[in-house]
Amino acid sequence: MDVVRSFIAISLPDDVRAELTSLEYKLKARQHPFVKWVDPESMHLTLRFLGNVAIDYVPEIAGAMSRVAYAHPPFKLQVAGTGAFPNWQRPQVVWVGVGGELDRLNDLQNGLESELSPLGFPPESRLFSAHLTLGRLRDRVTPDDRRRFAEFAQMVEFKTGLSFDVSAIRLMKSQLTPSGPIYSELAVAELGSSQPGTGTGR
């Protein structure tokens, strides 16, 4: 049976991608070879990673998305400051935070968890933390290199407060390639639509 590696996400508008591109350009200035950067053109605000799912199962997932989207009207989010997982003392993932109507974002994400659970996707054990991943530090990085990178990254100026509308959620296919993942849309569910549907395949 054919399977697809997939996730549910919110897409980003061009002006947000442009700001993230500018930020990455600044962060790359020191040419740290141990950081694997994410292409801003492929960035999404991930709500739920699903992993490998049978292609025949996509319509059921799309239907669950539509039921959730129907119950949630559009809302606004904002680009916030930079951060790191697990922290800046030992950065492994560098990210840009998300602000704005986070209560509505969390309600949307919780709704997805509830609808997906009966389909065989148990809720994530980790608390949902909205963020946009910029880059990942490779495992074999010395503590001194991590510290110097963190000190530099925290000094880089970045325009925060840029807002964007959230009007749909999307089921995305992720195809892994040597040059990076290639994303394509499998289904979309518009928020606050007139009636719950089954999603739209693309």
C-alpha atoms as a PDB file:
ATOM      1  CA  MET A   1       0.000   0.000   0.000  1.00  0.00           C
ATOM      2  CA  ASP A   2       1.320   3.444  -0.944  1.00  0.00           C
ATOM      3  CA  VAL A   3       2.093   5.766   1.965  1.00  0.00           C
ATOM      4  CA  VAL A   4       2.868   9.469   2.210  1.00  0.00           C
ATOM      5  CA  ARG A   5       4.874  11.305   4.837  1.00  0.00           C
ATOM      6  CA  SER A   6       2.539  14.080   5.914  1.00  0.00           C
ATOM      7  CA  PHE A   7       1.709  16.838   8.368  1.00  0.00           C
ATOM      8  CA  ILE A   8      -1.023  19.433   8.985  1.00  0.00           C
ATOM      9  CA  ALA A   9       0.084  23.056   8.899  1.00  0.00           C
ATOM     10  CA  ILE A  10      -0.720  26.719   8.407  1.00  0.00           C
ATOM     11  CA  SER A  11       0.946  28.347   5.399  1.00  0.00           C
ATOM     12  CA  LEU A  12       2.857  31.630   5.636  1.00  0.00           C
ATOM     13  CA  PRO A  13       2.335  34.724   3.443  1.00  0.00           C
ATOM     14  CA  ASP A  14       5.096  36.123   1.256  1.00  0.00           C
ATOM     15  CA  ASP A  15       5.934  39.071   3.528  1.00  0.00           C
ATOM     16  CA  VAL A  16       6.545  36.750   6.485  1.00  0.00           C
ATOM     17  CA  ARG A  17       8.729  34.491   4.348  1.00  0.00           C
ATOM     18  CA  ALA A  18      10.684  37.547   3.196  1.00  0.00           C
ATOM     19  CA  GLU A  19      11.402  38.559   6.815  1.00  0.00           C
ATOM     20  CA  LEU A  20      12.484  35.018   7.675  1.00  0.00           C
ATOM     21  CA  THR A  21      14.757  34.993   4.631  1.00  0.00           C
ATOM     22  CA  SER A  22      16.339  38.266   5.787  1.00  0.00           C
ATOM     23  CA  LEU A  23      16.831  36.889   9.287  1.00  0.00           C
ATOM     24  CA  GLU A  24      18.479  33.716   8.021  1.00  0.00           C
ATOM     25  CA  TYR A  25      20.788  35.790   5.814  1.00  0.00           C
ATOM     26  CA  LYS A  26      21.991  37.637   8.903  1.00  0.00           C
ATOM     27  CA  LEU A  27      22.376  34.441  10.934  1.00  0.00           C
ATOM     28  CA  LYS A  28      24.422  32.838   8.145  1.00  0.00           C
ATOM     29  CA  ALA A  29      26.901  35.743   8.142  1.00  0.00           C
ATOM     30  CA  ARG A  30      29.333  33.899  10.419  1.00  0.00           C
ATOM     31  CA  GLN A  31      29.095  30.806   8.205  1.00  0.00           C
ATOM     32  CA  HIS A  32      28.651  28.277  11.001  1.00  0.00           C
ATOM     33  CA  PRO A  33      29.170  24.945   9.180  1.00  0.00           C
ATOM     34  CA  PHE A  34      27.424  22.937  11.890  1.00  0.00           C
ATOM     35  CA  VAL A  35      23.973  24.520  11.356  1.00  0.00           C
ATOM     36  CA  LYS A  36      21.551  23.000   8.851  1.00  0.00           C
ATOM     37  CA  TRP A  37      19.238  25.819   7.783  1.00  0.00           C
ATOM     38  CA  VAL A  38      15.615  25.463   6.687  1.00  0.00           C
ATOM     39  CA  ASP A  39      14.651  27.102   3.406  1.00  0.00           C
ATOM     40  CA  PRO A  40      12.155  29.898   4.316  1.00  0.00           C
ATOM     41  CA  GLU A  41      10.228  29.172   1.123  1.00  0.00           C
ATOM     42  CA  SER A  42       9.300  25.774   2.539  1.00  0.00           C
ATOM     43  CA  MET A  43       8.459  26.911   6.077  1.00  0.00           C
ATOM     44  CA  HIS A  44       5.035  26.227   7.584  1.00  0.00           C
ATOM     45  CA  LEU A  45       3.553  26.568  11.035  1.00  0.00           C
ATOM     46  CA  THR A  46       3.164  22.874  11.798  1.00  0.00           C
ATOM     47  CA  LEU A  47       0.090  21.923  13.827  1.00  0.00           C
ATOM     48  CA  ARG A  48       0.476  18.147  13.746  1.00  0.00           C
ATOM     49  CA  PHE A  49       3.067  15.833  12.239  1.00  0.00           C
ATOM     50  CA  LEU A  50       1.374  12.615  11.103  1.00  0.00           C
ATOM     51  CA  GLY A  51       4.295  10.612   9.730  1.00  0.00           C
ATOM     52  CA  ASN A  52       3.734   7.953   7.092  1.00  0.00           C
ATOM     53  CA  VAL A  53       0.048   7.409   6.335  1.00  0.00           C
ATOM     54  CA  ALA A  54      -1.664   5.267   3.714  1.00  0.00           C
ATOM     55  CA  ILE A  55      -2.660   7.353   0.697  1.00  0.00           C
ATOM     56  CA  ASP A  56      -6.153   5.828   0.866  1.00  0.00           C
ATOM     57  CA  TYR A  57      -6.494   7.346   4.352  1.00  0.00           C
ATOM     58  CA  VAL A  58      -6.077  10.927   3.143  1.00  0.00           C
ATOM     59  CA  PRO A  59      -9.827  11.571   2.600  1.00  0.00           C
ATOM     60  CA  GLU A  60     -10.584  10.603   6.222  1.00  0.00           C
ATOM     61  CA  ILE A  61      -7.890  12.944   7.503  1.00  0.00           C
ATOM     62  CA  ALA A  62      -9.192  15.701   5.230  1.00  0.00           C
ATOM     63  CA  GLY A  63     -12.680  15.131   6.605  1.00  0.00           C
ATOM     64  CA  ALA A  64     -11.426  15.460  10.173  1.00  0.00           C
ATOM     65  CA  MET A  65      -9.659  18.700   9.225  1.00  0.00           C
ATOM     66  CA  SER A  66     -12.853  20.098   7.700  1.00  0.00           C
ATOM     67  CA  ARG A  67     -14.883  19.331  10.816  1.00  0.00           C
ATOM     68  CA  VAL A  68     -12.353  21.189  12.948  1.00  0.00           C
ATOM     69  CA  ALA A  69     -12.055  24.093  10.517  1.00  0.00           C
ATOM     70  CA  TYR A  70     -15.843  24.519  10.433  1.00  0.00           C
ATOM     71  CA  ALA A  71     -15.847  25.208  14.186  1.00  0.00           C
ATOM     72  CA  HIS A  72     -13.044  27.800  14.119  1.00  0.00           C
ATOM     73  CA  PRO A  73     -13.317  31.189  12.395  1.00  0.00           C
ATOM     74  CA  PRO A  74     -10.225  32.895  10.918  1.00  0.00           C
ATOM     75  CA  PHE A  75      -7.843  34.670  13.281  1.00  0.00           C
ATOM     76  CA  LYS A  76      -4.553  36.578  13.322  1.00  0.00           C
ATOM     77  CA  LEU A  77      -1.063  35.602  14.414  1.00  0.00           C
ATOM     78  CA  GLN A  78       2.163  37.586  14.697  1.00  0.00           C
ATOM     79  CA  VAL A  79       5.829  36.841  14.203  1.00  0.00           C
ATOM     80  CA  ALA A  80       7.619  36.999  17.559  1.00  0.00           C
ATOM     81  CA  GLY A  81      11.270  36.829  18.615  1.00  0.00           C
ATOM     82  CA  THR A  82      13.894  34.126  18.199  1.00  0.00           C
ATOM     83  CA  GLY A  83      14.527  31.263  20.603  1.00  0.00           C
ATOM     84  CA  ALA A  84      16.145  27.865  20.876  1.00  0.00           C
ATOM     85  CA  PHE A  85      15.292  24.332  21.974  1.00  0.00           C
ATOM     86  CA  PRO A  86      15.992  23.205  24.609  1.00  0.00           C
ATOM     87  CA  ASN A  87      17.440  26.649  25.508  1.00  0.00           C
ATOM     88  CA  TRP A  88      20.098  29.177  24.503  1.00  0.00           C
ATOM     89  CA  GLN A  89      22.599  27.569  26.884  1.00  0.00           C
ATOM     90  CA  ARG A  90      22.642  24.443  24.723  1.00  0.00           C
ATOM     91  CA  PRO A  91      20.872  25.245  21.449  1.00  0.00           C
ATOM     92  CA  GLN A  92      19.878  22.341  19.224  1.00  0.00           C
ATOM     93  CA  VAL A  93      17.052  23.976  17.249  1.00  0.00           C
ATOM     94  CA  VAL A  94      16.816  27.704  16.464  1.00  0.00           C
ATOM     95  CA  TRP A  95      13.346  29.079  15.857  1.00  0.00           C
ATOM     96  CA  VAL A  96      11.136  32.149  15.502  1.00  0.00           C
ATOM     97  CA  GLY A  97       8.231  32.351  17.911  1.00  0.00           C
ATOM     98  CA  VAL A  98       4.587  33.047  17.144  1.00  0.00           C
ATOM     99  CA  GLY A  99       2.315  35.497  18.959  1.00  0.00           C
ATOM    100  CA  GLY A 100      -1.120  37.024  18.438  1.00  0.00           C
ATOM    101  CA  GLU A 101      -4.343  35.119  19.062  1.00  0.00           C
ATOM    102  CA  LEU A 102      -2.602  32.104  20.566  1.00  0.00           C
ATOM    103  CA  ASP A 103      -5.676  30.996  22.498  1.00  0.00           C
ATOM    104  CA  ARG A 104      -7.502  30.483  19.197  1.00  0.00           C
ATOM    105  CA  LEU A 105      -4.479  28.757  17.686  1.00  0.00           C
ATOM    106  CA  ASN A 106      -4.311  26.385  20.662  1.00  0.00           C
ATOM    107  CA  ASP A 107      -8.053  25.697  20.426  1.00  0.00           C
ATOM    108  CA  LEU A 108      -7.602  24.832  16.741  1.00  0.00           C
ATOM    109  CA  GLN A 109      -4.702  22.515  17.469  1.00  0.00           C
ATOM    110  CA  ASN A 110      -6.579  20.827  20.328  1.00  0.00           C
ATOM    111  CA  GLY A 111      -9.538  20.334  18.016  1.00  0.00           C
ATOM    112  CA  LEU A 112      -7.296  18.562  15.522  1.00  0.00           C
ATOM    113  CA  GLU A 113      -5.931  16.291  18.236  1.00  0.00           C
ATOM    114  CA  SER A 114      -9.482  15.330  19.258  1.00  0.00           C
ATOM    115  CA  GLU A 115     -10.598  14.573  15.704  1.00  0.00           C
ATOM    116  CA  LEU A 116      -7.432  12.699  14.745  1.00  0.00           C
ATOM    117  CA  SER A 117      -7.273  10.477  17.820  1.00  0.00           C
ATOM    118  CA  PRO A 118     -10.112   8.151  16.699  1.00  0.00           C
ATOM    119  CA  LEU A 119      -8.339   7.802  13.347  1.00  0.00           C
ATOM    120  CA  GLY A 120      -5.294   6.247  14.995  1.00  0.00           C
ATOM    121  CA  PHE A 121      -3.239   9.356  15.788  1.00  0.00           C
ATOM    122  CA  PRO A 122      -2.987   9.560  19.597  1.00  0.00           C
ATOM    123  CA  PRO A 123      -2.347  13.046  21.052  1.00  0.00           C
ATOM    124  CA  GLU A 124       1.253  14.213  21.185  1.00  0.00           C
ATOM    125  CA  SER A 125       2.952  13.675  24.527  1.00  0.00           C
ATOM    126  CA  ARG A 126       4.688  17.063  24.272  1.00  0.00           C
ATOM    127  CA  LEU A 127       2.802  20.287  24.814  1.00  0.00           C
ATOM    128  CA  PHE A 128       2.141  22.138  21.563  1.00  0.00           C
ATOM    129  CA  SER A 129       4.553  25.063  21.144  1.00  0.00           C
ATOM    130  CA  ALA A 130       3.926  27.254  18.095  1.00  0.00           C
ATOM    131  CA  HIS A 131       7.190  28.088  16.330  1.00  0.00           C
ATOM    132  CA  LEU A 132       8.895  28.328  12.937  1.00  0.00           C
ATOM    133  CA  THR A 133      12.101  26.309  12.745  1.00  0.00           C
ATOM    134  CA  LEU A 134      15.043  28.201  11.234  1.00  0.00           C
ATOM    135  CA  GLY A 135      17.838  25.692  11.649  1.00  0.00           C
ATOM    136  CA  ARG A 136      19.177  22.680  13.504  1.00  0.00           C
ATOM    137  CA  LEU A 137      22.627  22.280  15.000  1.00  0.00           C
ATOM    138  CA  ARG A 138      24.308  19.001  14.184  1.00  0.00           C
ATOM    139  CA  ASP A 139      24.907  16.545  17.023  1.00  0.00           C
ATOM    140  CA  ARG A 140      28.709  16.675  16.998  1.00  0.00           C
ATOM    141  CA  VAL A 141      29.105  20.323  17.924  1.00  0.00           C
ATOM    142  CA  THR A 142      31.437  21.358  20.729  1.00  0.00           C
ATOM    143  CA  PRO A 143      29.983  23.202  23.742  1.00  0.00           C
ATOM    144  CA  ASP A 144      32.129  26.230  22.874  1.00  0.00           C
ATOM    145  CA  ASP A 145      30.790  26.349  19.310  1.00  0.00           C
ATOM    146  CA  ARG A 146      27.222  26.124  20.632  1.00  0.00           C
ATOM    147  CA  ARG A 147      27.884  28.930  23.105  1.00  0.00           C
ATOM    148  CA  ARG A 148      29.470  31.230  20.511  1.00  0.00           C
ATOM    149  CA  PHE A 149      26.667  30.585  18.049  1.00  0.00           C
ATOM    150  CA  ALA A 150      24.013  31.283  20.694  1.00  0.00           C
ATOM    151  CA  GLU A 151      25.679  34.543  21.724  1.00  0.00           C
ATOM    152  CA  PHE A 152      25.788  35.691  18.104  1.00  0.00           C
ATOM    153  CA  ALA A 153      22.236  34.573  17.251  1.00  0.00           C
ATOM    154  CA  GLN A 154      20.726  36.413  20.208  1.00  0.00           C
ATOM    155  CA  MET A 155      22.313  39.683  19.054  1.00  0.00           C
ATOM    156  CA  VAL A 156      20.898  39.552  15.509  1.00  0.00           C
ATOM    157  CA  GLU A 157      18.117  42.104  15.035  1.00  0.00           C
ATOM    158  CA  PHE A 158      14.814  40.867  13.691  1.00  0.00           C
ATOM    159  CA  LYS A 159      11.550  42.623  12.859  1.00  0.00           C
ATOM    160  CA  THR A 160       8.853  41.255  15.147  1.00  0.00           C
ATOM    161  CA  GLY A 161       5.135  42.022  15.318  1.00  0.00           C
ATOM    162  CA  LEU A 162       4.473  41.318  11.643  1.00  0.00           C
ATOM    163  CA  SER A 163       0.929  39.929  11.576  1.00  0.00           C
ATOM    164  CA  PHE A 164      -0.730  37.482   9.218  1.00  0.00           C
ATOM    165  CA  ASP A 165      -4.189  35.993   8.770  1.00  0.00           C
ATOM    166  CA  VAL A 166      -4.932  32.338   9.422  1.00  0.00           C
ATOM    167  CA  SER A 167      -7.834  31.307   7.195  1.00  0.00           C
ATOM    168  CA  ALA A 168      -7.110  27.655   6.370  1.00  0.00           C
ATOM    169  CA  ILE A 169      -5.287  24.531   7.483  1.00  0.00           C
ATOM    170  CA  ARG A 170      -3.506  22.291   5.005  1.00  0.00           C
ATOM    171  CA  LEU A 171      -2.542  18.650   4.800  1.00  0.00           C
ATOM    172  CA  MET A 172       0.948  18.566   3.323  1.00  0.00           C
ATOM    173  CA  LYS A 173       2.979  15.788   1.747  1.00  0.00           C
ATOM    174  CA  SER A 174       6.685  15.806   2.596  1.00  0.00           C
ATOM    175  CA  GLN A 175       8.976  14.057   0.133  1.00  0.00           C
ATOM    176  CA  LEU A 176      12.522  13.720   1.469  1.00  0.00           C
ATOM    177  CA  THR A 177      15.332  14.284  -1.032  1.00  0.00           C
ATOM    178  CA  PRO A 178      19.124  14.705  -0.700  1.00  0.00           C
ATOM    179  CA  SER A 179      18.731  18.461  -1.305  1.00  0.00           C
ATOM    180  CA  GLY A 180      15.935  18.853   1.247  1.00  0.00           C
ATOM    181  CA  PRO A 181      12.224  18.079   1.585  1.00  0.00           C
ATOM    182  CA  ILE A 182       9.755  18.865  -1.183  1.00  0.00           C
ATOM    183  CA  TYR A 183       6.261  19.821   0.003  1.00  0.00           C
ATOM    184  CA  SER A 184       2.991  19.510  -1.868  1.00  0.00           C
ATOM    185  CA  GLU A 185      -0.589  20.073  -0.754  1.00  0.00           C
ATOM    186  CA  LEU A 186      -2.893  17.075  -0.362  1.00  0.00           C
ATOM    187  CA  ALA A 187      -5.955  18.824   1.099  1.00  0.00           C
ATOM    188  CA  VAL A 188      -7.086  22.190   2.451  1.00  0.00           C
ATOM    189  CA  ALA A 189      -9.852  23.109   4.908  1.00  0.00           C
ATOM    190  CA  GLU A 190     -11.034  26.703   5.121  1.00  0.00           C
ATOM    191  CA  LEU A 191     -11.676  28.043   8.621  1.00  0.00           C
ATOM    192  CA  GLY A 192     -15.253  29.040   9.435  1.00  0.00           C
ATOM    193  CA  SER A 193     -16.601  27.557   6.206  1.00  0.00           C
ATOM    194  CA  SER A 194     -20.356  27.535   5.768  1.00  0.00           C
ATOM    195  CA  GLN A 195     -20.602  23.827   6.451  1.00  0.00           C
ATOM    196  CA  PRO A 196     -18.251  20.985   7.325  1.00  0.00           C
ATOM    197  CA  GLY A 197     -17.073  19.140   4.262  1.00  0.00           C
ATOM    198  CA  THR A 198     -14.551  16.459   3.438  1.00  0.00           C
ATOM    199  CA  GLY A 199     -11.575  18.642   2.534  1.00  0.00           C
ATOM    200  CA  THR A 200     -10.267  19.494  -0.902  1.00  0.00           C
ATOM    201  CA  GLY A 201      -7.559  17.369  -2.452  1.00  0.00           C
ATOM    202  CA  ARG A 202      -4.846  19.045  -4.496  1.00  0.00           C
END
